[in-house]
Amino acid sequence: MLKAAMAAPSAVDSQPWEFIVVDDPEILEKLRKTSLFSNHNAPLAVVVLGSPHKAANPAGGKFWQQDCSAAMENLLLAAVGQGLGGVWIGVYPIENVEEKIRALLNIPQASFPLGIALVGHPAQQKAPRTRYKVEKIHWQKYGQRSPEVNGK
């Protein structure tokens, strides 16, 4: 999963990410209490950090949110590919949650906890779904629909 996360694209290949892997039950329990949304009973958490000060290219470090989001998505897709389930718990830019996680995991001020991937075996198997909505697709310019949508 971490290899997949680090294979994500990043602006000018800056790779401004770091990861904290947590499987200690005591730390996991404290981590779950940092946010209303992190109450899932997963045996593993991966905290994705944006560390623009460690970016391979300083200009690219300005895009750490996008880059780390791509890394998070890759990590979660890799989990599913291994038969696991995962959920993305958003952290940044909710300052009080950031600070709780920063204090718990000893994260330096120059790094930002973007989110937490909680990973484990899913409680139930769900059929694949789509959220495809044709009305969210614009063709050539905003407000124009695809020729197929317009009946052409």
Foldseek 3Di string as FASTA:
>chain_A
DQVQLQVFDFVVQFSQKDKDKDQPVVLLVLLCVLDPPSVDDFRIKIFIKGQCVRTPDNVRSVVSLVSNVRSVVRVQVVLVVVQKHKDKAADPPPPSSQVSVCVSVVPDPNMTRGTMIGMGHDPDDDDDDDPDDQQVDADPDPPHHDCVVVVD
